């Protein structure tokens, strides 16, 4: 039987640490001095008004900002204690460990099967056809999509509904066995029924993955996350347990946002 110390260590394992992180685009400051710990195998929601820096911060965690000309990132982002901005780190390998699901579903112009198989193929995770088929089936099942598409795996991914396409993109992210999944407003382009399905899926897969999600919906953050971080004007104002952030925030700016007085 585990003692209390062991249980406490499990509960508070930190997957990602941001230390004094700043981001600027061609000299324009987008984020300043962000410090946050992302807990392993929990959902952390990033909330705040439009343009406050939450998506910019999300993109620092798998170096997506590298592809933007004029972007400069300062400070440290540690994944399991190692700085992902170290010159020895290969961004391609990093993005296998830290997957991303975007705001709008973006399936490749390929079949449903090939959408999921693409990552394992290019990363050399499957040498044989049956291994690839196993990964595709397992990933689609984890994304809650397999039963809906198992008889049409050769159909284009773009033939699916919006909600199904987003689950396909989640299956595609899962297929390379990531440790972290970043989600940038994954439900903003979906109807309420599809949104509910994605939220259920997030709740199911958080046991396996550390999830960081940007959301414009405070109701969604309250429903799906265990930790919440509030950004405002490029600053991380407050972070903590979701229930505390929404019911007893420390900073008056957080309280003004969650009660709808600023937005």
Protein backbone atom coordinates (compact mmCIF):
# COMPACT_ATOMS: atom_id res chain seq x y z
CA UNK A 1 0.00 0.00 0.00
CA UNK A 2 1.29 3.46 -0.96
CA UNK A 3 2.00 5.92 1.78
CA UNK A 4 0.68 9.48 1.68
CA UNK A 5 4.00 10.92 0.46
CA UNK A 6 4.02 8.62 -2.59
CA UNK A 7 0.41 9.48 -3.39
CA UNK A 8 1.17 13.18 -3.07
CA UNK A 9 4.18 12.87 -5.41
CA UNK A 10 2.02 11.14 -8.03
CA UNK A 11 -0.63 13.81 -7.86
CA UNK A 12 1.78 16.71 -8.24
CA UNK A 13 4.17 15.40 -10.92
CA UNK A 14 5.15 18.31 -13.15
CA UNK A 15 5.42 17.60 -16.88
CA UNK A 16 6.21 21.09 -18.22
CA UNK A 17 7.73 24.10 -16.48
CA UNK A 18 7.84 27.58 -17.99
CA UNK A 19 10.43 29.86 -16.44
CA UNK A 20 10.45 33.59 -17.24
CA UNK A 21 9.10 32.94 -20.74
CA UNK A 22 8.73 35.93 -23.03
CA UNK A 23 7.70 36.07 -26.68
CA UNK A 24 7.97 38.95 -29.12
CA UNK A 25 7.13 39.28 -32.80
CA UNK A 26 9.48 41.63 -34.65
CA UNK A 27 10.10 43.46 -31.38
CA UNK A 28 6.42 43.65 -30.34
CA UNK A 29 6.00 41.97 -26.95
CA UNK A 30 3.26 39.30 -26.91
CA UNK A 31 4.15 37.54 -23.65
CA UNK A 32 6.26 38.60 -20.71
CA UNK A 33 7.76 36.70 -17.79
CA UNK A 34 5.41 33.70 -17.80
CA UNK A 35 6.06 31.17 -15.05
CA UNK A 36 3.82 28.13 -14.77
CA UNK A 37 3.98 24.44 -13.92
CA UNK A 38 1.86 22.07 -16.04
CA UNK A 39 0.81 19.00 -14.06
CA UNK A 40 1.22 15.59 -15.67
CA UNK A 41 -1.90 13.75 -16.88
CA UNK A 42 -4.31 16.52 -16.09
CA UNK A 43 -6.12 19.05 -18.25
CA UNK A 44 -4.83 22.60 -17.91
CA UNK A 45 -7.04 25.29 -19.45
CA UNK A 46 -5.58 28.59 -20.64
CA UNK A 47 -8.24 31.32 -20.50
CA UNK A 48 -8.33 35.06 -21.11
CA UNK A 49 -9.57 37.71 -23.55
CA UNK A 50 -8.70 37.55 -27.26
CA UNK A 51 -5.14 38.64 -27.93
CA UNK A 52 -3.98 38.08 -24.35
CA UNK A 53 -1.19 35.65 -25.28
CA UNK A 54 -2.69 32.28 -24.43
CA UNK A 55 -2.30 30.79 -27.93
CA UNK A 56 1.17 32.33 -28.23
CA UNK A 57 2.12 30.55 -24.99
CA UNK A 58 0.57 27.27 -26.15
CA UNK A 59 2.73 27.39 -29.28
CA UNK A 60 5.91 27.81 -27.25
CA UNK A 61 5.48 24.33 -25.81
CA UNK A 62 6.19 22.53 -29.07
CA UNK A 63 8.18 25.32 -30.76
CA UNK A 64 5.47 26.13 -33.30
CA UNK A 65 6.63 29.76 -33.03
CA UNK A 66 9.90 28.68 -34.69
CA UNK A 67 8.16 28.84 -38.06
CA UNK A 68 7.08 32.50 -37.62
CA UNK A 69 9.60 34.98 -38.99
CA UNK A 70 10.70 37.58 -36.47
CA UNK A 71 9.52 35.59 -33.45
CA UNK A 72 11.85 35.54 -30.47
CA UNK A 73 11.35 33.37 -27.38
CA UNK A 74 13.23 34.01 -24.15
CA UNK A 75 13.34 32.10 -20.88
CA UNK A 76 13.07 28.35 -20.50
CA UNK A 77 10.45 25.71 -21.19
CA UNK A 78 11.36 22.45 -19.51
CA UNK A 79 9.82 19.13 -20.58
CA UNK A 80 10.65 16.52 -17.95
CA UNK A 81 13.36 18.89 -16.74
CA UNK A 82 15.04 19.42 -20.15
CA UNK A 83 14.94 22.76 -21.96
CA UNK A 84 13.11 22.25 -25.26
CA UNK A 85 14.83 25.36 -26.71
CA UNK A 86 18.29 23.87 -26.23
CA UNK A 87 20.19 23.78 -29.53
CA UNK A 88 20.55 20.00 -29.20
CA UNK A 89 16.76 19.49 -29.30
CA UNK A 90 15.30 18.46 -32.67
CA UNK A 91 11.91 20.22 -33.10
CA UNK A 92 10.61 17.29 -35.17
CA UNK A 93 11.31 14.86 -32.34
CA UNK A 94 9.86 17.34 -29.85
CA UNK A 95 6.61 17.61 -31.83
CA UNK A 96 6.24 13.87 -31.70
CA UNK A 97 6.34 14.09 -27.89
CA UNK A 98 4.16 17.22 -27.80
CA UNK A 99 1.33 16.93 -30.33
CA UNK A 100 -1.09 19.66 -31.35
CA UNK A 101 -4.75 19.90 -32.32
CA UNK A 102 -5.72 23.14 -34.00
CA UNK A 103 -8.75 25.40 -33.81
CA UNK A 104 -10.25 24.22 -37.09
CA UNK A 105 -10.15 20.54 -38.04
CA UNK A 106 -7.38 20.12 -40.61
CA UNK A 107 -7.33 16.55 -41.91
CA UNK A 108 -4.80 15.85 -44.64
CA UNK A 109 -6.17 15.37 -48.18
CA UNK A 110 -5.77 11.63 -47.69
CA UNK A 111 -7.90 8.70 -46.61
CA UNK A 112 -9.04 8.33 -42.99
CA UNK A 113 -6.54 5.49 -42.60
CA UNK A 114 -3.64 7.45 -44.11
CA UNK A 115 -4.38 10.50 -41.96
CA UNK A 116 -3.72 8.43 -38.84
CA UNK A 117 -0.95 6.32 -40.37
CA UNK A 118 1.07 9.31 -41.63
CA UNK A 119 2.85 10.11 -38.36
CA UNK A 120 3.80 6.54 -37.44
CA UNK A 121 5.15 6.06 -40.98
CA UNK A 122 7.40 9.12 -41.05
CA UNK A 123 8.66 8.51 -37.51
CA UNK A 124 9.38 4.84 -38.23
CA UNK A 125 7.04 3.54 -35.54
CA UNK A 126 5.70 0.69 -37.66
CA UNK A 127 7.69 -1.51 -40.04
CA UNK A 128 4.93 -3.86 -41.15
CA UNK A 129 1.43 -3.34 -42.48
CA UNK A 130 -0.22 -5.19 -39.59
CA UNK A 131 1.67 -3.01 -37.08
CA UNK A 132 0.41 0.11 -38.86
CA UNK A 133 -3.15 -1.22 -38.94
CA UNK A 134 -2.95 -1.89 -35.19
CA UNK A 135 -1.77 1.67 -34.46
CA UNK A 136 -4.49 3.18 -36.67
CA UNK A 137 -7.25 1.11 -35.08
CA UNK A 138 -6.01 1.78 -31.54
CA UNK A 139 -5.72 5.53 -32.19
CA UNK A 140 -9.18 5.77 -33.75
CA UNK A 141 -10.63 3.84 -30.81
CA UNK A 142 -8.97 6.15 -28.29
CA UNK A 143 -10.36 9.11 -30.21
CA UNK A 144 -13.84 7.57 -30.05
CA UNK A 145 -14.12 7.39 -33.84
CA UNK A 146 -13.37 3.80 -34.87
CA UNK A 147 -16.92 2.44 -34.73
CA UNK A 148 -18.13 5.30 -36.93
CA UNK A 149 -15.50 4.88 -39.66
CA UNK A 150 -14.33 1.24 -39.52
CA UNK A 151 -16.18 0.36 -42.74
CA UNK A 152 -14.85 3.33 -44.73
CA UNK A 153 -11.23 3.76 -43.75
CA UNK A 154 -10.32 4.42 -47.39
CA UNK A 155 -12.77 7.35 -47.64
CA UNK A 156 -11.25 10.87 -47.59
CA UNK A 157 -10.80 12.37 -44.13
CA UNK A 158 -12.46 15.50 -45.48
CA UNK A 159 -15.69 13.53 -46.09
CA UNK A 160 -16.34 13.37 -42.33
CA UNK A 161 -18.45 15.84 -40.36
CA UNK A 162 -16.69 18.67 -38.54
CA UNK A 163 -16.78 16.92 -35.18
CA UNK A 164 -15.57 13.66 -36.71
CA UNK A 165 -12.76 15.52 -38.49
CA UNK A 166 -11.61 16.99 -35.18
CA UNK A 167 -11.63 13.54 -33.57
CA UNK A 168 -9.66 12.29 -36.58
CA UNK A 169 -7.10 15.03 -35.91
CA UNK A 170 -6.94 13.92 -32.27
CA UNK A 171 -6.44 10.31 -33.44
CA UNK A 172 -3.67 11.56 -35.73
CA UNK A 173 -1.98 13.27 -32.78
CA UNK A 174 -2.36 10.17 -30.56
CA UNK A 175 -0.94 7.83 -33.21
CA UNK A 176 2.68 8.85 -32.58
CA UNK A 177 2.34 8.16 -28.83
CA UNK A 178 2.81 11.72 -27.56
CA UNK A 179 3.24 12.60 -23.91
CA UNK A 180 1.51 15.97 -24.18
CA UNK A 181 -1.37 17.14 -26.39
CA UNK A 182 -1.84 20.86 -26.98
CA UNK A 183 -5.32 21.95 -28.07
CA UNK A 184 -5.97 25.42 -29.48
CA UNK A 185 -9.72 26.06 -29.02
CA UNK A 186 -10.52 22.59 -30.41
CA UNK A 187 -14.30 23.09 -30.24
CA UNK A 188 -14.68 26.66 -31.50
CA UNK A 189 -15.68 25.54 -35.01
CA UNK A 190 -18.03 22.79 -33.80
CA UNK A 191 -21.73 22.58 -32.95
CA UNK A 192 -22.85 21.86 -29.36
CA UNK A 193 -23.29 18.10 -29.92
CA UNK A 194 -19.82 17.71 -31.46
CA UNK A 195 -18.39 19.92 -28.71
CA UNK A 196 -19.88 17.67 -26.02
CA UNK A 197 -18.32 14.62 -27.71
CA UNK A 198 -14.88 16.25 -27.81
CA UNK A 199 -15.20 17.22 -24.15
CA UNK A 200 -16.09 13.63 -23.24
CA UNK A 201 -13.07 12.47 -25.23
CA UNK A 202 -10.75 14.90 -23.42
CA UNK A 203 -12.02 13.57 -20.11
CA UNK A 204 -11.35 9.99 -21.24
CA UNK A 205 -7.82 10.51 -22.59
CA UNK A 206 -6.45 12.69 -19.78
CA UNK A 207 -5.54 9.46 -17.95
CA UNK A 208 -2.89 8.85 -20.62
CA UNK A 209 -1.81 12.32 -21.75
CA UNK A 210 -0.98 15.71 -20.30
CA UNK A 211 -3.41 18.10 -22.01
CA UNK A 212 -3.08 21.87 -22.30
CA UNK A 213 -6.07 23.55 -23.89
CA UNK A 214 -6.76 27.12 -24.93
CA UNK A 215 -10.46 27.88 -24.68
CA UNK A 216 -12.54 31.03 -25.09
CA UNK A 217 -15.32 29.35 -23.10
CA UNK A 218 -15.08 29.64 -19.34
CA UNK A 219 -17.89 27.09 -19.04
CA UNK A 220 -15.80 24.62 -21.03
CA UNK A 221 -12.73 25.29 -18.89
CA UNK A 222 -14.82 24.66 -15.77
CA UNK A 223 -16.19 21.41 -17.22
CA UNK A 224 -13.04 19.75 -18.54
CA UNK A 225 -9.98 21.10 -16.73
CA UNK A 226 -8.44 20.45 -13.35
CA UNK A 227 -6.02 23.39 -13.56
CA UNK A 228 -6.65 26.83 -15.06
CA UNK A 229 -4.33 29.70 -15.98
CA UNK A 230 -5.67 33.20 -16.66
CA UNK A 231 -3.80 35.43 -19.12
CA UNK A 232 -4.35 39.16 -19.59
CA UNK A 233 -2.43 41.62 -21.77
CA UNK A 234 0.48 39.24 -22.29
CA UNK A 235 0.85 38.35 -18.62
CA UNK A 236 0.00 35.20 -16.71
CA UNK A 237 -2.14 36.75 -13.98
CA UNK A 238 -3.08 33.70 -11.97
CA UNK A 239 -3.00 29.92 -12.06
CA UNK A 240 -4.35 27.21 -9.81
CA UNK A 241 -7.02 24.58 -9.30
CA UNK A 242 -9.90 25.26 -11.68
CA UNK A 243 -12.50 25.39 -8.95
CA UNK A 244 -10.46 27.93 -7.00
CA UNK A 245 -9.86 30.14 -10.04
CA UNK A 246 -13.60 30.29 -10.74
CA UNK A 247 -14.93 30.56 -7.18
CA UNK A 248 -12.20 32.22 -5.14
CA UNK A 249 -9.57 33.91 -7.37
CA UNK A 250 -6.80 35.89 -5.68
CA UNK A 251 -6.36 38.61 -8.30
CA UNK A 252 -9.13 41.16 -8.94
CA UNK A 253 -8.46 40.94 -12.70
CA UNK A 254 -9.23 37.22 -12.61
CA UNK A 255 -12.42 37.85 -10.69
CA UNK A 256 -13.46 40.57 -13.15
CA UNK A 257 -12.90 38.18 -16.08
CA UNK A 258 -14.65 35.11 -14.68
CA UNK A 259 -17.64 37.22 -13.59
CA UNK A 260 -17.90 38.81 -17.03
CA UNK A 261 -16.90 42.38 -16.10
CA UNK A 262 -13.94 42.29 -18.50
CA UNK A 263 -13.63 40.15 -21.60
